[in-house]
C-alpha atoms as a PDB file:
ATOM      1  CA  UNK A   1      38.233  91.476  68.169  1.00  0.00           C
ATOM      2  CA  UNK A   2      40.227  89.261  70.231  1.00  0.00           C
ATOM      3  CA  UNK A   3      43.071  86.919  68.395  1.00  0.00           C
ATOM      4  CA  UNK A   4      42.134  83.531  69.069  1.00  0.00           C
ATOM      5  CA  UNK A   5      45.865  82.599  69.370  1.00  0.00           C
ATOM      6  CA  UNK A   6      46.528  85.087  72.026  1.00  0.00           C
ATOM      7  CA  UNK A   7      43.442  84.652  74.011  1.00  0.00           C
ATOM      8  CA  UNK A   8      43.736  82.413  77.241  1.00  0.00           C
ATOM      9  CA  UNK A   9      41.691  79.319  77.664  1.00  0.00           C
ATOM     10  CA  UNK A  10      41.206  79.960  81.312  1.00  0.00           C
ATOM     11  CA  UNK A  11      39.442  82.532  83.017  1.00  0.00           C
ATOM     12  CA  UNK A  12      39.627  82.975  86.844  1.00  0.00           C
ATOM     13  CA  UNK A  13      36.013  83.951  88.088  1.00  0.00           C
ATOM     14  CA  UNK A  14      36.010  87.151  90.447  1.00  0.00           C
ATOM     15  CA  UNK A  15      34.212  86.424  93.949  1.00  0.00           C
ATOM     16  CA  UNK A  16      31.740  88.888  95.429  1.00  0.00           C
ATOM     17  CA  UNK A  17      32.685  88.232  99.153  1.00  0.00           C
ATOM     18  CA  UNK A  18      31.305  90.041 102.499  1.00  0.00           C
ATOM     19  CA  UNK A  19      35.234  90.734 103.362  1.00  0.00           C
ATOM     20  CA  UNK A  20      37.099  94.090 102.793  1.00  0.00           C
ATOM     21  CA  UNK A  21      39.803  94.748 100.404  1.00  0.00           C
ATOM     22  CA  UNK A  22      42.152  95.250 103.414  1.00  0.00           C
ATOM     23  CA  UNK A  23      41.482  91.963 104.850  1.00  0.00           C
ATOM     24  CA  UNK A  24      42.540  90.169 101.564  1.00  0.00           C
ATOM     25  CA  UNK A  25      44.940  89.849  98.936  1.00  0.00           C
ATOM     26  CA  UNK A  26      42.307  88.498  96.576  1.00  0.00           C
ATOM     27  CA  UNK A  27      40.980  90.622  93.763  1.00  0.00           C
ATOM     28  CA  UNK A  28      37.384  90.494  94.717  1.00  0.00           C
ATOM     29  CA  UNK A  29      34.045  92.401  94.822  1.00  0.00           C
ATOM     30  CA  UNK A  30      33.714  93.497  98.428  1.00  0.00           C
ATOM     31  CA  UNK A  31      30.165  93.698  99.878  1.00  0.00           C
ATOM     32  CA  UNK A  32      28.381  93.839 103.390  1.00  0.00           C
ATOM     33  CA  UNK A  33      25.919  91.296 104.309  1.00  0.00           C
ATOM     34  CA  UNK A  34      23.163  93.640 103.595  1.00  0.00           C
ATOM     35  CA  UNK A  35      24.327  94.247  99.956  1.00  0.00           C
ATOM     36  CA  UNK A  36      25.181  90.274  99.686  1.00  0.00           C
ATOM     37  CA  UNK A  37      21.402  89.653 100.615  1.00  0.00           C
ATOM     38  CA  UNK A  38      20.008  92.070  98.003  1.00  0.00           C
ATOM     39  CA  UNK A  39      22.280  90.380  95.504  1.00  0.00           C
ATOM     40  CA  UNK A  40      20.861  86.894  96.316  1.00  0.00           C
ATOM     41  CA  UNK A  41      17.408  88.020  96.226  1.00  0.00           C
ATOM     42  CA  UNK A  42      17.955  89.845  92.931  1.00  0.00           C
ATOM     43  CA  UNK A  43      19.264  86.399  91.319  1.00  0.00           C
ATOM     44  CA  UNK A  44      22.790  88.034  90.738  1.00  0.00           C
ATOM     45  CA  UNK A  45      24.504  84.895  91.410  1.00  0.00           C
ATOM     46  CA  UNK A  46      25.159  81.576  89.860  1.00  0.00           C
ATOM     47  CA  UNK A  47      26.245  80.173  92.854  1.00  0.00           C
ATOM     48  CA  UNK A  48      26.632  81.137  96.353  1.00  0.00           C
ATOM     49  CA  UNK A  49      27.714  80.015  99.745  1.00  0.00           C
ATOM     50  CA  UNK A  50      28.747  80.634 103.194  1.00  0.00           C
ATOM     51  CA  UNK A  51      31.871  79.234 104.871  1.00  0.00           C
ATOM     52  CA  UNK A  52      34.337  80.400 107.284  1.00  0.00           C
ATOM     53  CA  UNK A  53      32.210  83.177 108.474  1.00  0.00           C
ATOM     54  CA  UNK A  54      31.689  85.082 105.307  1.00  0.00           C
ATOM     55  CA  UNK A  55      29.380  84.935 102.245  1.00  0.00           C
ATOM     56  CA  UNK A  56      30.508  84.285  98.816  1.00  0.00           C
ATOM     57  CA  UNK A  57      29.273  84.392  95.414  1.00  0.00           C
ATOM     58  CA  UNK A  58      30.080  83.821  91.512  1.00  0.00           C
ATOM     59  CA  UNK A  59      27.860  86.386  89.567  1.00  0.00           C
ATOM     60  CA  UNK A  60      26.415  84.870  86.241  1.00  0.00           C
ATOM     61  CA  UNK A  61      28.354  87.093  83.983  1.00  0.00           C
ATOM     62  CA  UNK A  62      31.585  85.649  85.469  1.00  0.00           C
ATOM     63  CA  UNK A  63      30.497  82.126  83.964  1.00  0.00           C
ATOM     64  CA  UNK A  64      29.766  83.631  80.685  1.00  0.00           C
ATOM     65  CA  UNK A  65      32.953  82.666  79.289  1.00  0.00           C
ATOM     66  CA  UNK A  66      32.302  78.946  79.349  1.00  0.00           C
ATOM     67  CA  UNK A  67      29.919  79.496  76.347  1.00  0.00           C
ATOM     68  CA  UNK A  68      32.924  80.160  74.063  1.00  0.00           C
ATOM     69  CA  UNK A  69      34.869  77.099  75.233  1.00  0.00           C
ATOM     70  CA  UNK A  70      36.818  78.897  77.940  1.00  0.00           C
ATOM     71  CA  UNK A  71      37.630  76.955  81.201  1.00  0.00           C
ATOM     72  CA  UNK A  72      36.357  79.134  83.999  1.00  0.00           C
ATOM     73  CA  UNK A  73      38.070  78.594  87.322  1.00  0.00           C
ATOM     74  CA  UNK A  74      36.013  79.188  90.510  1.00  0.00           C
ATOM     75  CA  UNK A  75      37.791  79.215  93.974  1.00  0.00           C
ATOM     76  CA  UNK A  76      34.612  77.545  95.959  1.00  0.00           C
ATOM     77  CA  UNK A  77      34.081  75.481  99.136  1.00  0.00           C
ATOM     78  CA  UNK A  78      34.128  71.767  99.320  1.00  0.00           C
ATOM     79  CA  UNK A  79      30.777  72.476 101.788  1.00  0.00           C
ATOM     80  CA  UNK A  80      29.227  73.657  98.414  1.00  0.00           C
ATOM     81  CA  UNK A  81      30.711  71.383  96.124  1.00  0.00           C
ATOM     82  CA  UNK A  82      27.864  68.604  96.071  1.00  0.00           C
ATOM     83  CA  UNK A  83      25.382  71.502  95.162  1.00  0.00           C
ATOM     84  CA  UNK A  84      27.637  73.206  92.315  1.00  0.00           C
ATOM     85  CA  UNK A  85      27.834  69.393  91.059  1.00  0.00           C
ATOM     86  CA  UNK A  86      23.973  69.697  90.748  1.00  0.00           C
ATOM     87  CA  UNK A  87      23.703  72.786  88.930  1.00  0.00           C
ATOM     88  CA  UNK A  88      26.662  72.284  86.960  1.00  0.00           C
ATOM     89  CA  UNK A  89      26.918  68.488  86.176  1.00  0.00           C
ATOM     90  CA  UNK A  90      29.596  69.127  83.787  1.00  0.00           C
ATOM     91  CA  UNK A  91      31.801  70.492  86.487  1.00  0.00           C
ATOM     92  CA  UNK A  92      35.450  69.560  86.787  1.00  0.00           C
ATOM     93  CA  UNK A  93      36.718  69.868  90.459  1.00  0.00           C
ATOM     94  CA  UNK A  94      40.430  70.943  90.633  1.00  0.00           C
ATOM     95  CA  UNK A  95      41.208  69.938  94.138  1.00  0.00           C
ATOM     96  CA  UNK A  96      44.289  71.539  95.640  1.00  0.00           C
ATOM     97  CA  UNK A  97      45.460  70.060  99.059  1.00  0.00           C
ATOM     98  CA  UNK A  98      48.820  70.164 101.025  1.00  0.00           C
ATOM     99  CA  UNK A  99      49.601  68.298 104.329  1.00  0.00           C
ATOM    100  CA  UNK A 100      47.825  69.678 107.332  1.00  0.00           C
ATOM    101  CA  UNK A 101      50.960  71.034 108.960  1.00  0.00           C
ATOM    102  CA  UNK A 102      51.638  73.015 105.601  1.00  0.00           C
ATOM    103  CA  UNK A 103      47.882  74.506 105.697  1.00  0.00           C
ATOM    104  CA  UNK A 104      48.417  75.294 109.365  1.00  0.00           C
ATOM    105  CA  UNK A 105      51.460  77.114 108.875  1.00  0.00           C
ATOM    106  CA  UNK A 106      49.832  79.285 105.758  1.00  0.00           C
ATOM    107  CA  UNK A 107      46.762  79.933 107.341  1.00  0.00           C
ATOM    108  CA  UNK A 108      48.665  81.118 110.901  1.00  0.00           C
ATOM    109  CA  UNK A 109      50.888  83.408 108.196  1.00  0.00           C
ATOM    110  CA  UNK A 110      47.879  85.033 106.764  1.00  0.00           C
ATOM    111  CA  UNK A 111      46.494  86.161 110.247  1.00  0.00           C
ATOM    112  CA  UNK A 112      42.945  86.493 109.152  1.00  0.00           C
ATOM    113  CA  UNK A 113      41.751  83.684 111.791  1.00  0.00           C
ATOM    114  CA  UNK A 114      42.761  83.020 115.270  1.00  0.00           C
ATOM    115  CA  UNK A 115      43.993  79.609 116.396  1.00  0.00           C
ATOM    116  CA  UNK A 116      40.797  78.231 117.229  1.00  0.00           C
ATOM    117  CA  UNK A 117      39.420  79.155 114.005  1.00  0.00           C
ATOM    118  CA  UNK A 118      42.116  77.603 112.205  1.00  0.00           C
ATOM    119  CA  UNK A 119      41.752  74.559 113.870  1.00  0.00           C
ATOM    120  CA  UNK A 120      37.934  74.129 113.247  1.00  0.00           C
ATOM    121  CA  UNK A 121      38.807  74.730 109.600  1.00  0.00           C
ATOM    122  CA  UNK A 122      41.357  72.411 109.575  1.00  0.00           C
ATOM    123  CA  UNK A 123      39.261  69.642 110.921  1.00  0.00           C
ATOM    124  CA  UNK A 124      36.458  70.362 108.185  1.00  0.00           C
ATOM    125  CA  UNK A 125      39.300  69.995 105.518  1.00  0.00           C
ATOM    126  CA  UNK A 126      38.193  66.377 104.869  1.00  0.00           C
ATOM    127  CA  UNK A 127      39.255  64.554 101.628  1.00  0.00           C
ATOM    128  CA  UNK A 128      36.858  65.363  98.749  1.00  0.00           C
ATOM    129  CA  UNK A 129      35.289  62.396  96.511  1.00  0.00           C
ATOM    130  CA  UNK A 130      36.587  63.115  93.407  1.00  0.00           C
ATOM    131  CA  UNK A 131      35.482  61.739  90.203  1.00  0.00           C
ATOM    132  CA  UNK A 132      36.886  60.415  86.935  1.00  0.00           C
ATOM    133  CA  UNK A 133      37.068  63.767  85.227  1.00  0.00           C
ATOM    134  CA  UNK A 134      38.307  65.689  88.335  1.00  0.00           C
ATOM    135  CA  UNK A 135      41.941  66.803  88.987  1.00  0.00           C
ATOM    136  CA  UNK A 136      44.004  67.018  91.900  1.00  0.00           C
ATOM    137  CA  UNK A 137      47.000  69.006  92.785  1.00  0.00           C
ATOM    138  CA  UNK A 138      49.277  68.823  95.819  1.00  0.00           C
ATOM    139  CA  UNK A 139      50.385  72.173  97.031  1.00  0.00           C
ATOM    140  CA  UNK A 140      52.747  70.927  99.603  1.00  0.00           C
ATOM    141  CA  UNK A 141      56.019  72.009  97.919  1.00  0.00           C
ATOM    142  CA  UNK A 142      57.009  74.955  95.993  1.00  0.00           C
ATOM    143  CA  UNK A 143      54.530  77.106  94.026  1.00  0.00           C
ATOM    144  CA  UNK A 144      56.678  76.421  90.806  1.00  0.00           C
ATOM    145  CA  UNK A 145      56.261  72.743  91.271  1.00  0.00           C
ATOM    146  CA  UNK A 146      52.351  73.049  92.075  1.00  0.00           C
ATOM    147  CA  UNK A 147      51.982  75.318  88.852  1.00  0.00           C
ATOM    148  CA  UNK A 148      54.024  72.773  86.604  1.00  0.00           C
ATOM    149  CA  UNK A 149      51.733  70.198  87.611  1.00  0.00           C
ATOM    150  CA  UNK A 150      48.473  72.162  86.994  1.00  0.00           C
ATOM    151  CA  UNK A 151      49.713  73.352  83.655  1.00  0.00           C
ATOM    152  CA  UNK A 152      50.702  69.555  82.916  1.00  0.00           C
ATOM    153  CA  UNK A 153      46.913  68.469  84.235  1.00  0.00           C
ATOM    154  CA  UNK A 154      45.320  71.051  81.967  1.00  0.00           C
ATOM    155  CA  UNK A 155      47.207  70.460  78.978  1.00  0.00           C
ATOM    156  CA  UNK A 156      46.525  66.863  78.953  1.00  0.00           C
ATOM    157  CA  UNK A 157      42.809  67.061  79.537  1.00  0.00           C
ATOM    158  CA  UNK A 158      42.402  69.901  76.996  1.00  0.00           C
ATOM    159  CA  UNK A 159      45.201  69.703  74.446  1.00  0.00           C
ATOM    160  CA  UNK A 160      45.776  73.474  74.991  1.00  0.00           C
ATOM    161  CA  UNK A 161      48.955  74.967  76.396  1.00  0.00           C
ATOM    162  CA  UNK A 162      47.930  76.806  79.288  1.00  0.00           C
ATOM    163  CA  UNK A 163      50.367  79.681  80.786  1.00  0.00           C
ATOM    164  CA  UNK A 164      52.100  80.415  77.877  1.00  0.00           C
ATOM    165  CA  UNK A 165      55.479  82.075  78.793  1.00  0.00           C
END
């Protein structure tokens, strides 16, 4: 049995992606396009979308911690956001943004996309219409500053100290 005092109030959902592990530093379930289509057809996903040339999915069991009051963080897509809000009206968006020059440099340093694909991606990175329940973090500076901002926002929202040290 898990001790509630040590249980994290935050769970990061693992994504299923049509990208191999050697092309990413993200802990994800790697599948090919055929496997992904089979998973979609068998209703394995609570949500799924196509972005940046890849298919992404979140399996139903990845959202299960919500039934115990745990916040589930899903790394999603702006293009899928409106549909996600329709399926999950209680959804709180955590919009993480950065100045376009910072985003360009980060995307170039990852080496996954050519410059043309990066520019197309940046042109799609328009501002998201946030609601009063949503959160926004600017990640243009240091990672430590962004994490601290996120911790403070989540603690203000929930009253729960996140990321205990």
